């Protein structure tokens, strides 16, 4: 299953945005309002929960400055990645598109597609504000 967010423009250079996303503490300000838990586990990982959803632990899997940050689930129960693809627009502006990729059974896909799509759009919208 693949879900892509809209492309958004961020008032940061590609390097700055890549560094921002590689620091897991910064994800707290990108989370939706219905976040019931956000906790940094270590410098590369955090756990969060949205109201009515199970907790999800994410860790930084790969950083390719200045163009990509890849986060992945720490649990094998929900194997997925969340990739931020960054493109430089100017010295002070960049564009980012988020890509969610996961391998789920049809029942799980049906249950999570809506909430994940909404979550991705919220992350993208909040990135525009940083």
Protein backbone atom coordinates (compact mmCIF):
# COMPACT_ATOMS: atom_id res chain seq x y z
CA UNK A 1 0.00 0.00 0.00
CA UNK A 2 1.33 3.42 -1.00
CA UNK A 3 -0.04 6.79 0.06
CA UNK A 4 1.47 10.08 -1.10
CA UNK A 5 0.86 13.44 0.53
CA UNK A 6 0.46 16.65 -1.38
CA UNK A 7 3.71 18.48 -2.19
CA UNK A 8 4.16 21.43 0.12
CA UNK A 9 6.55 24.36 0.11
CA UNK A 10 8.57 24.92 3.28
CA UNK A 11 10.40 28.13 4.12
CA UNK A 12 13.66 26.30 4.83
CA UNK A 13 16.51 25.26 2.57
CA UNK A 14 16.65 21.57 1.65
CA UNK A 15 19.57 21.11 4.08
CA UNK A 16 17.68 22.80 6.93
CA UNK A 17 14.53 20.75 6.27
CA UNK A 18 16.48 17.49 6.10
CA UNK A 19 18.20 18.31 9.41
CA UNK A 20 14.84 19.29 10.94
CA UNK A 21 13.23 15.96 9.97
CA UNK A 22 16.24 13.90 11.03
CA UNK A 23 15.75 15.22 14.60
CA UNK A 24 12.86 13.16 15.99
CA UNK A 25 12.03 15.76 18.66
CA UNK A 26 10.75 18.03 15.89
CA UNK A 27 7.97 15.63 14.94
CA UNK A 28 6.01 16.67 18.04
CA UNK A 29 5.18 20.01 16.40
CA UNK A 30 4.04 18.23 13.21
CA UNK A 31 1.58 15.89 14.92
CA UNK A 32 -2.18 16.30 14.56
CA UNK A 33 -4.27 17.85 17.34
CA UNK A 34 -5.74 14.44 18.22
CA UNK A 35 -2.34 13.11 19.33
CA UNK A 36 -2.81 11.48 22.72
CA UNK A 37 0.87 10.56 23.24
CA UNK A 38 4.24 11.71 21.95
CA UNK A 39 7.44 10.51 23.56
CA UNK A 40 11.04 10.54 22.34
CA UNK A 41 12.57 7.11 23.00
CA UNK A 42 16.11 8.01 21.94
CA UNK A 43 17.84 10.37 19.49
CA UNK A 44 16.64 8.28 16.54
CA UNK A 45 13.17 7.14 17.64
CA UNK A 46 9.84 8.26 19.04
CA UNK A 47 6.48 6.76 19.89
CA UNK A 48 3.14 8.43 19.30
CA UNK A 49 -0.54 7.61 19.49
CA UNK A 50 -3.58 9.25 17.98
CA UNK A 51 -6.86 9.06 19.89
CA UNK A 52 -8.52 5.72 19.17
CA UNK A 53 -5.42 4.24 17.51
CA UNK A 54 -2.65 2.01 18.88
CA UNK A 55 0.77 3.44 19.70
CA UNK A 56 3.25 3.52 16.84
CA UNK A 57 7.00 3.64 17.34
CA UNK A 58 9.02 5.18 14.50
CA UNK A 59 12.77 5.37 14.08
CA UNK A 60 15.00 7.17 11.61
CA UNK A 61 16.19 4.46 9.22
CA UNK A 62 18.10 6.53 6.70
CA UNK A 63 19.05 10.16 6.06
CA UNK A 64 20.37 11.20 2.63
CA UNK A 65 21.13 14.93 2.96
CA UNK A 66 19.67 17.09 1.64
CA UNK A 67 17.04 15.09 -0.27
CA UNK A 68 15.54 12.35 1.87
CA UNK A 69 14.66 11.22 5.38
CA UNK A 70 13.24 7.72 5.87
CA UNK A 71 11.42 6.72 9.05
CA UNK A 72 10.33 3.15 9.68
CA UNK A 73 8.16 1.30 12.13
CA UNK A 74 10.06 -0.32 15.00
CA UNK A 75 7.50 -3.14 15.20
CA UNK A 76 7.24 -5.99 12.71
CA UNK A 77 3.47 -6.13 13.33
CA UNK A 78 2.92 -3.02 11.19
CA UNK A 79 5.83 -2.94 8.74
CA UNK A 80 5.93 0.42 6.96
CA UNK A 81 8.14 3.36 6.05
CA UNK A 82 7.43 7.07 5.96
CA UNK A 83 9.73 8.88 3.54
CA UNK A 84 10.17 12.61 3.16
CA UNK A 85 11.38 13.45 -0.35
CA UNK A 86 12.86 16.95 -0.35
CA UNK A 87 13.57 19.11 -3.39
CA UNK A 88 15.40 22.44 -3.21
CA UNK A 89 13.47 25.33 -4.74
CA UNK A 90 15.84 28.14 -3.70
CA UNK A 91 18.41 28.90 -0.98
CA UNK A 92 15.59 29.52 1.52
CA UNK A 93 12.76 27.36 0.18
CA UNK A 94 12.21 23.68 -0.47
CA UNK A 95 9.40 21.32 -1.39
CA UNK A 96 8.58 18.09 0.36
CA UNK A 97 6.34 15.18 -0.44
CA UNK A 98 5.67 12.44 2.10
CA UNK A 99 5.36 8.82 1.01
CA UNK A 100 3.88 6.07 3.19
CA UNK A 101 4.63 2.50 2.11
CA UNK A 102 3.47 -0.60 3.96
CA UNK A 103 2.71 -4.23 3.40
CA UNK A 104 -0.69 -5.01 4.89
CA UNK A 105 -3.42 -7.57 4.41
CA UNK A 106 -6.62 -6.37 2.68
CA UNK A 107 -8.58 -6.04 5.95
CA UNK A 108 -5.83 -3.96 7.57
CA UNK A 109 -5.53 -1.79 4.42
CA UNK A 110 -9.23 -1.04 4.55
CA UNK A 111 -9.04 -0.06 8.24
CA UNK A 112 -5.97 2.16 8.11
CA UNK A 113 -6.07 3.81 4.67
CA UNK A 114 -8.38 6.67 5.75
CA UNK A 115 -6.63 7.50 9.05
CA UNK A 116 -3.14 7.24 7.49
CA UNK A 117 -4.13 9.47 4.55
CA UNK A 118 -5.50 12.10 6.95
CA UNK A 119 -2.37 11.80 9.14
CA UNK A 120 -0.09 12.33 6.13
CA UNK A 121 -2.03 15.40 5.01
CA UNK A 122 -1.79 16.86 8.53
CA UNK A 123 1.99 16.28 8.63
CA UNK A 124 2.37 17.96 5.22
CA UNK A 125 0.16 20.92 6.22
CA UNK A 126 2.09 21.37 9.48
CA UNK A 127 5.40 21.23 7.61
CA UNK A 128 4.31 24.29 5.64
CA UNK A 129 4.11 26.20 8.94
CA UNK A 130 7.60 25.41 10.32
